[in-house]
Amino acid sequence: MADDQKPKFNPKRKSDLLTASKVLQRVLGNGKSALSDQFLRWKIWRFWPGIVGATLAKYCEPVGYERGRLYIWVKSSARMQEIRFFEETLREKVNEHVGSNWVRYIRFTLDRHGVPNAEEMSPQFKKFMDIGDPPAE
């Protein structure tokens, strides 16, 4: 290729390149695979207080997702009965956060198995996710 045919460097042109974490977030966040479903569930858990409010977040957390059904752990059976009144509101808020009709049903459970633990996440993983700490309410 001759010197006059090489593309010229333009310092004003912004790069269209994305970081690896941004590419993975886009791929995993598209909601078209089982892996992306779990990625979205993890992001919902991470920002749960901002999605449902700090008061409600004290008593429940998302613990699983499968085929349009979000499983939410509730602190006690009495709270579960109370939170059932907010089921439709929870579904709408989660879907609004995700940007699609991702959750079609909500199932409440007293089984805490599967609730992620923020203290167990490494700083490198938080940086990879490019999310930092969840917003305070």
N, C-alpha and C. Protein backbone atom coordinates (compact mmCIF):
# COMPACT_ATOMS: atom_id res chain seq x y z
N MET A 1 0.85 -1.17 0.00
CA MET A 1 0.00 0.00 0.00
C MET A 1 0.90 1.23 0.00
N ALA A 2 0.67 2.12 -0.90
CA ALA A 2 1.48 3.33 -1.01
C ALA A 2 1.15 4.28 0.13
N ASP A 3 2.10 5.18 0.43
CA ASP A 3 1.91 6.12 1.53
C ASP A 3 0.68 7.00 1.34
N ASP A 4 0.38 7.35 0.08
CA ASP A 4 -0.76 8.23 -0.15
C ASP A 4 -2.10 7.50 -0.04
N GLN A 5 -2.09 6.14 0.04
CA GLN A 5 -3.32 5.38 0.16
C GLN A 5 -3.63 4.96 1.60
N LYS A 6 -2.70 5.16 2.51
CA LYS A 6 -2.94 4.78 3.90
C LYS A 6 -3.98 5.71 4.51
N PRO A 7 -4.83 5.13 5.37
CA PRO A 7 -5.78 6.00 6.05
C PRO A 7 -5.02 6.95 6.96
N LYS A 8 -5.45 8.19 6.97
CA LYS A 8 -4.77 9.20 7.78
C LYS A 8 -5.35 9.21 9.18
N PHE A 9 -4.51 9.45 10.14
CA PHE A 9 -4.93 9.53 11.53
C PHE A 9 -5.62 10.86 11.76
N ASN A 10 -6.79 10.80 12.31
CA ASN A 10 -7.55 12.00 12.62
C ASN A 10 -7.75 12.05 14.13
N PRO A 11 -7.04 12.92 14.85
CA PRO A 11 -7.15 12.95 16.31
C PRO A 11 -8.53 13.38 16.81
N LYS A 12 -9.33 14.03 15.98
CA LYS A 12 -10.66 14.48 16.39
C LYS A 12 -11.69 13.36 16.32
N ARG A 13 -11.40 12.32 15.56
CA ARG A 13 -12.34 11.21 15.41
C ARG A 13 -12.34 10.37 16.67
N LYS A 14 -13.54 10.11 17.18
CA LYS A 14 -13.65 9.28 18.37
C LYS A 14 -13.65 7.82 17.95
N SER A 15 -13.04 7.01 18.77
CA SER A 15 -12.95 5.59 18.50
C SER A 15 -14.29 4.92 18.74
N ASP A 16 -14.61 3.94 17.90
CA ASP A 16 -15.81 3.16 18.07
C ASP A 16 -15.54 1.89 18.88
N LEU A 17 -14.31 1.75 19.36
CA LEU A 17 -13.94 0.57 20.13
C LEU A 17 -14.52 0.64 21.53
N LEU A 18 -14.93 -0.51 22.05
CA LEU A 18 -15.49 -0.61 23.39
C LEU A 18 -14.59 -1.46 24.26
N THR A 19 -14.65 -1.24 25.55
CA THR A 19 -13.89 -2.08 26.46
C THR A 19 -14.50 -3.47 26.46
N ALA A 20 -13.70 -4.45 26.87
CA ALA A 20 -14.18 -5.83 26.93
C ALA A 20 -15.39 -5.96 27.85
N SER A 21 -15.36 -5.25 28.97
CA SER A 21 -16.49 -5.36 29.90
C SER A 21 -17.77 -4.80 29.28
N LYS A 22 -17.66 -3.73 28.49
CA LYS A 22 -18.84 -3.16 27.84
C LYS A 22 -19.40 -4.13 26.79
N VAL A 23 -18.51 -4.78 26.06
CA VAL A 23 -18.94 -5.74 25.05
C VAL A 23 -19.66 -6.91 25.72
N LEU A 24 -19.07 -7.45 26.79
CA LEU A 24 -19.70 -8.56 27.50
C LEU A 24 -21.04 -8.16 28.11
N GLN A 25 -21.11 -6.95 28.66
CA GLN A 25 -22.37 -6.50 29.23
C GLN A 25 -23.45 -6.41 28.16
N ARG A 26 -23.09 -5.95 26.99
CA ARG A 26 -24.07 -5.88 25.89
C ARG A 26 -24.50 -7.27 25.45
N VAL A 27 -23.54 -8.18 25.33
CA VAL A 27 -23.86 -9.53 24.90
C VAL A 27 -24.71 -10.24 25.95
N LEU A 28 -24.29 -10.15 27.21
CA LEU A 28 -25.01 -10.83 28.27
C LEU A 28 -26.32 -10.14 28.63
N GLY A 29 -26.41 -8.87 28.38
CA GLY A 29 -27.60 -8.11 28.73
C GLY A 29 -28.71 -8.15 27.70
N ASN A 30 -28.50 -8.86 26.59
CA ASN A 30 -29.52 -8.86 25.55
C ASN A 30 -30.69 -9.78 25.85
N GLY A 31 -30.57 -10.63 26.87
CA GLY A 31 -31.68 -11.47 27.30
C GLY A 31 -32.01 -12.63 26.37
N LYS A 32 -31.07 -13.06 25.55
CA LYS A 32 -31.37 -14.12 24.59
C LYS A 32 -30.71 -15.46 24.90
N SER A 33 -30.16 -15.62 26.10
CA SER A 33 -29.57 -16.90 26.46
C SER A 33 -29.73 -17.13 27.95
N ALA A 34 -29.52 -18.38 28.36
CA ALA A 34 -29.61 -18.70 29.80
C ALA A 34 -28.55 -17.94 30.58
N LEU A 35 -27.38 -17.77 30.00
CA LEU A 35 -26.32 -17.03 30.68
C LEU A 35 -26.70 -15.57 30.83
N SER A 36 -27.33 -14.99 29.83
CA SER A 36 -27.74 -13.59 29.95
C SER A 36 -28.85 -13.43 30.97
N ASP A 37 -29.71 -14.46 31.11
CA ASP A 37 -30.75 -14.41 32.13
C ASP A 37 -30.13 -14.30 33.52
N GLN A 38 -29.10 -15.09 33.79
CA GLN A 38 -28.46 -15.06 35.10
C GLN A 38 -27.67 -13.77 35.31
N PHE A 39 -27.12 -13.23 34.24
CA PHE A 39 -26.43 -11.94 34.31
C PHE A 39 -27.43 -10.85 34.70
N LEU A 40 -28.59 -10.84 34.07
CA LEU A 40 -29.61 -9.85 34.40
C LEU A 40 -30.12 -10.04 35.82
N ARG A 41 -30.29 -11.30 36.25
CA ARG A 41 -30.72 -11.55 37.62
C ARG A 41 -29.69 -11.02 38.60
N TRP A 42 -28.41 -11.21 38.30
CA TRP A 42 -27.35 -10.70 39.16
C TRP A 42 -27.40 -9.17 39.22
N LYS A 43 -27.60 -8.53 38.09
CA LYS A 43 -27.68 -7.07 38.08
C LYS A 43 -28.90 -6.57 38.85
N ILE A 44 -30.00 -7.30 38.76
CA ILE A 44 -31.19 -6.92 39.53
C ILE A 44 -30.88 -7.03 41.02
N TRP A 45 -30.24 -8.13 41.42
CA TRP A 45 -29.87 -8.29 42.83
C TRP A 45 -28.96 -7.14 43.26
N ARG A 46 -28.00 -6.80 42.42
CA ARG A 46 -27.00 -5.77 42.76
C ARG A 46 -27.67 -4.41 43.00
N PHE A 47 -28.69 -4.10 42.25
CA PHE A 47 -29.35 -2.80 42.36
C PHE A 47 -30.74 -2.90 42.98
N TRP A 48 -31.01 -3.98 43.68
CA TRP A 48 -32.33 -4.24 44.26
C TRP A 48 -32.88 -3.08 45.09
N PRO A 49 -32.11 -2.51 46.03
CA PRO A 49 -32.67 -1.40 46.81
C PRO A 49 -33.11 -0.21 45.94
N GLY A 50 -32.40 0.04 44.87
CA GLY A 50 -32.78 1.13 43.98
C GLY A 50 -34.01 0.80 43.13
N ILE A 51 -34.23 -0.48 42.89
CA ILE A 51 -35.37 -0.90 42.07
C ILE A 51 -36.66 -0.92 42.88
N VAL A 52 -36.61 -1.54 44.07
CA VAL A 52 -37.84 -1.72 44.85
C VAL A 52 -37.95 -0.77 46.03
N GLY A 53 -36.89 -0.05 46.34
CA GLY A 53 -36.90 0.85 47.50
C GLY A 53 -36.20 0.20 48.68
N ALA A 54 -35.56 1.02 49.49
CA ALA A 54 -34.75 0.53 50.60
C ALA A 54 -35.58 -0.22 51.64
N THR A 55 -36.78 0.22 51.90
CA THR A 55 -37.62 -0.42 52.92
C THR A 55 -37.98 -1.85 52.51
N LEU A 56 -38.48 -2.02 51.30
CA LEU A 56 -38.87 -3.35 50.83
C LEU A 56 -37.64 -4.25 50.67
N ALA A 57 -36.51 -3.68 50.25
CA ALA A 57 -35.29 -4.45 50.04
C ALA A 57 -34.76 -5.07 51.33
N LYS A 58 -35.14 -4.53 52.49
CA LYS A 58 -34.71 -5.11 53.77
C LYS A 58 -35.33 -6.48 53.99
N TYR A 59 -36.47 -6.76 53.36
CA TYR A 59 -37.23 -7.96 53.63
C TYR A 59 -37.25 -8.98 52.50
N CYS A 60 -36.70 -8.64 51.33
CA CYS A 60 -36.72 -9.59 50.22
C CYS A 60 -35.57 -9.32 49.25
N GLU A 61 -35.16 -10.38 48.53
CA GLU A 61 -34.10 -10.29 47.52
C GLU A 61 -34.36 -11.31 46.42
N PRO A 62 -33.96 -11.00 45.18
CA PRO A 62 -34.11 -11.98 44.11
C PRO A 62 -33.08 -13.10 44.29
N VAL A 63 -33.52 -14.35 44.15
CA VAL A 63 -32.61 -15.48 44.33
C VAL A 63 -32.51 -16.38 43.12
N GLY A 64 -33.38 -16.21 42.15
CA GLY A 64 -33.31 -17.06 40.97
C GLY A 64 -34.20 -16.55 39.86
N TYR A 65 -33.95 -17.09 38.67
CA TYR A 65 -34.75 -16.73 37.51
C TYR A 65 -34.75 -17.94 36.58
N GLU A 66 -35.94 -18.26 36.08
CA GLU A 66 -36.04 -19.34 35.11
C GLU A 66 -37.29 -19.15 34.26
N ARG A 67 -37.09 -19.06 32.97
CA ARG A 67 -38.19 -19.00 31.98
C ARG A 67 -39.27 -17.98 32.31
N GLY A 68 -38.85 -16.78 32.58
CA GLY A 68 -39.81 -15.70 32.83
C GLY A 68 -40.29 -15.59 34.26
N ARG A 69 -39.81 -16.46 35.12
CA ARG A 69 -40.24 -16.45 36.53
C ARG A 69 -39.08 -16.01 37.41
N LEU A 70 -39.31 -14.93 38.17
CA LEU A 70 -38.31 -14.43 39.11
C LEU A 70 -38.65 -14.96 40.49
N TYR A 71 -37.67 -15.61 41.13
CA TYR A 71 -37.84 -16.13 42.48
C TYR A 71 -37.29 -15.11 43.46
N ILE A 72 -38.13 -14.74 44.42
CA ILE A 72 -37.73 -13.72 45.40
C ILE A 72 -37.80 -14.32 46.80
N TRP A 73 -36.66 -14.26 47.49
CA TRP A 73 -36.59 -14.70 48.88
C TRP A 73 -37.22 -13.64 49.76
N VAL A 74 -38.02 -14.08 50.73
CA VAL A 74 -38.66 -13.17 51.68
C VAL A 74 -38.26 -13.62 53.09
N LYS A 75 -38.04 -12.65 53.95
CA LYS A 75 -37.50 -12.88 55.29
C LYS A 75 -38.37 -13.78 56.17
N SER A 76 -39.67 -13.67 56.08
CA SER A 76 -40.56 -14.48 56.92
C SER A 76 -41.87 -14.72 56.18
N SER A 77 -42.62 -15.69 56.67
CA SER A 77 -43.91 -15.99 56.04
C SER A 77 -44.89 -14.83 56.21
N ALA A 78 -44.80 -14.13 57.33
CA ALA A 78 -45.67 -12.96 57.53
C ALA A 78 -45.34 -11.87 56.51
N ARG A 79 -44.05 -11.62 56.30
CA ARG A 79 -43.64 -10.63 55.29
C ARG A 79 -44.04 -11.09 53.89
N MET A 80 -43.95 -12.40 53.65
CA MET A 80 -44.31 -12.92 52.34
C MET A 80 -45.77 -12.60 52.03
N GLN A 81 -46.63 -12.80 53.00
CA GLN A 81 -48.04 -12.50 52.81
C GLN A 81 -48.24 -11.01 52.50
N GLU A 82 -47.52 -10.18 53.21
CA GLU A 82 -47.61 -8.73 53.00
C GLU A 82 -47.09 -8.33 51.62
N ILE A 83 -45.96 -8.91 51.22
CA ILE A 83 -45.32 -8.53 49.95
C ILE A 83 -46.12 -9.02 48.75
N ARG A 84 -46.91 -10.05 48.92
CA ARG A 84 -47.75 -10.53 47.81
C ARG A 84 -48.65 -9.41 47.26
N PHE A 85 -49.02 -8.47 48.10
CA PHE A 85 -49.84 -7.35 47.65
C PHE A 85 -49.08 -6.45 46.67
N PHE A 86 -47.74 -6.52 46.70
CA PHE A 86 -46.90 -5.69 45.83
C PHE A 86 -46.36 -6.46 44.63
N GLU A 87 -46.84 -7.67 44.42
CA GLU A 87 -46.30 -8.54 43.38
C GLU A 87 -46.29 -7.89 41.99
N GLU A 88 -47.41 -7.33 41.59
CA GLU A 88 -47.49 -6.70 40.26
C GLU A 88 -46.57 -5.48 40.17
N THR A 89 -46.51 -4.70 41.24
CA THR A 89 -45.62 -3.53 41.28
C THR A 89 -44.17 -3.96 41.18
N LEU A 90 -43.79 -5.02 41.88
CA LEU A 90 -42.42 -5.54 41.81
C LEU A 90 -42.08 -5.96 40.39
N ARG A 91 -42.99 -6.70 39.77
CA ARG A 91 -42.76 -7.16 38.39
C ARG A 91 -42.58 -5.98 37.45
N GLU A 92 -43.41 -4.98 37.57
CA GLU A 92 -43.31 -3.80 36.71
C GLU A 92 -41.99 -3.06 36.93
N LYS A 93 -41.58 -2.90 38.19
CA LYS A 93 -40.34 -2.18 38.49
C LYS A 93 -39.12 -2.93 37.95
N VAL A 94 -39.11 -4.24 38.11
CA VAL A 94 -37.99 -5.03 37.59
C VAL A 94 -37.94 -4.94 36.07
N ASN A 95 -39.07 -5.10 35.42
CA ASN A 95 -39.11 -5.01 33.96
C ASN A 95 -38.71 -3.62 33.47
N GLU A 96 -39.09 -2.61 34.19
CA GLU A 96 -38.68 -1.24 33.82
C GLU A 96 -37.16 -1.10 33.93
N HIS A 97 -36.58 -1.68 34.98
CA HIS A 97 -35.13 -1.61 35.16
C HIS A 97 -34.40 -2.36 34.05
N VAL A 98 -34.92 -3.51 33.65
CA VAL A 98 -34.30 -4.33 32.61
C VAL A 98 -34.55 -3.74 31.22
N GLY A 99 -35.70 -3.10 31.05
CA GLY A 99 -36.01 -2.49 29.76
C GLY A 99 -36.82 -3.39 28.83
N SER A 100 -37.39 -4.46 29.38
CA SER A 100 -38.23 -5.35 28.58
C SER A 100 -39.16 -6.12 29.51
N ASN A 101 -40.04 -6.91 28.92
CA ASN A 101 -40.96 -7.72 29.71
C ASN A 101 -40.26 -9.04 30.07
N TRP A 102 -39.18 -8.94 30.79
CA TRP A 102 -38.32 -10.08 31.14
C TRP A 102 -38.97 -10.95 32.20
N VAL A 103 -39.59 -10.35 33.21
CA VAL A 103 -40.26 -11.10 34.28
C VAL A 103 -41.75 -11.16 33.98
N ARG A 104 -42.26 -12.38 33.81
CA ARG A 104 -43.69 -12.55 33.57
C ARG A 104 -44.41 -12.98 34.84
N TYR A 105 -43.69 -13.68 35.71
CA TYR A 105 -44.27 -14.16 36.97
C TYR A 105 -43.27 -13.95 38.10
N ILE A 106 -43.79 -13.83 39.30
CA ILE A 106 -42.94 -13.76 40.49
C ILE A 106 -43.36 -14.88 41.43
N ARG A 107 -42.37 -15.55 41.96
CA ARG A 107 -42.64 -16.60 42.95
C ARG A 107 -41.85 -16.28 44.20
N PHE A 108 -42.52 -16.24 45.33
CA PHE A 108 -41.87 -15.92 46.59
C PHE A 108 -41.45 -17.21 47.29
N THR A 109 -40.32 -17.14 48.01
CA THR A 109 -39.79 -18.31 48.69
C THR A 109 -39.15 -17.90 50.02
N LEU A 110 -39.08 -18.84 50.94
CA LEU A 110 -38.37 -18.63 52.21
C LEU A 110 -36.96 -19.22 52.13
N ASP A 111 -36.62 -19.85 51.01
CA ASP A 111 -35.30 -20.46 50.81
C ASP A 111 -34.31 -19.40 50.34
N ARG A 112 -33.33 -19.10 51.17
CA ARG A 112 -32.36 -18.05 50.87
C ARG A 112 -31.22 -18.55 49.97
N HIS A 113 -31.18 -19.82 49.67
CA HIS A 113 -30.13 -20.37 48.82
C HIS A 113 -30.10 -19.62 47.48
N GLY A 114 -28.93 -19.16 47.10
CA GLY A 114 -28.80 -18.47 45.83
C GLY A 114 -28.70 -16.96 45.93
N VAL A 115 -28.85 -16.40 47.14
CA VAL A 115 -28.71 -14.96 47.28
C VAL A 115 -27.23 -14.63 47.22
N PRO A 116 -26.78 -13.83 46.25
CA PRO A 116 -25.38 -13.45 46.18
C PRO A 116 -24.96 -12.66 47.42
N ASN A 117 -23.67 -12.59 47.65
CA ASN A 117 -23.14 -11.87 48.80
C ASN A 117 -22.15 -10.82 48.30
N ALA A 118 -22.44 -9.56 48.52
CA ALA A 118 -21.60 -8.46 48.02
C ALA A 118 -20.19 -8.52 48.58
N GLU A 119 -20.05 -9.00 49.83
CA GLU A 119 -18.72 -9.06 50.43
C GLU A 119 -17.83 -10.09 49.75
N GLU A 120 -18.42 -11.08 49.08
CA GLU A 120 -17.64 -12.13 48.42
C GLU A 120 -17.14 -11.69 47.04
N MET A 121 -17.65 -10.59 46.51
CA MET A 121 -17.22 -10.14 45.19
C MET A 121 -15.87 -9.46 45.28
N SER A 122 -14.99 -9.84 44.38
CA SER A 122 -13.66 -9.23 44.38
C SER A 122 -13.73 -7.83 43.76
N PRO A 123 -12.80 -6.96 44.12
CA PRO A 123 -12.77 -5.63 43.49
C PRO A 123 -12.60 -5.71 41.97
N GLN A 124 -11.86 -6.74 41.50
CA GLN A 124 -11.68 -6.91 40.07
C GLN A 124 -13.00 -7.23 39.38
N PHE A 125 -13.83 -8.05 40.02
CA PHE A 125 -15.12 -8.39 39.44
C PHE A 125 -16.03 -7.17 39.40
N LYS A 126 -16.02 -6.38 40.48
CA LYS A 126 -16.81 -5.15 40.49
C LYS A 126 -16.36 -4.20 39.39
N LYS A 127 -15.03 -4.12 39.21
CA LYS A 127 -14.50 -3.24 38.15
C LYS A 127 -14.91 -3.76 36.78
N PHE A 128 -14.83 -5.10 36.59
CA PHE A 128 -15.22 -5.70 35.32
C PHE A 128 -16.68 -5.37 35.01
N MET A 129 -17.53 -5.45 36.03
CA MET A 129 -18.93 -5.15 35.85
C MET A 129 -19.16 -3.66 35.66
N ASP A 130 -18.16 -2.87 36.02
CA ASP A 130 -18.22 -1.43 35.82
C ASP A 130 -19.44 -0.82 36.50
N ILE A 131 -19.69 -1.28 37.73
CA ILE A 131 -20.88 -0.81 38.41
C ILE A 131 -20.61 -0.18 39.76
N GLY A 132 -19.47 -0.46 40.37
CA GLY A 132 -19.20 0.11 41.68
C GLY A 132 -20.22 -0.32 42.69
N ASP A 133 -20.47 0.52 43.66
CA ASP A 133 -21.44 0.21 44.70
C ASP A 133 -22.83 0.62 44.24
N PRO A 134 -23.86 -0.10 44.68
CA PRO A 134 -25.21 0.27 44.28
C PRO A 134 -25.59 1.62 44.85
N PRO A 135 -26.46 2.34 44.15
CA PRO A 135 -26.85 3.66 44.63
C PRO A 135 -27.60 3.55 45.96
N ALA A 136 -27.34 4.50 46.84
CA ALA A 136 -28.03 4.54 48.14
C ALA A 136 -29.35 5.27 47.97
N GLU A 137 -30.32 4.84 48.75
CA GLU A 137 -31.63 5.51 48.72
C GLU A 137 -31.84 6.31 49.92
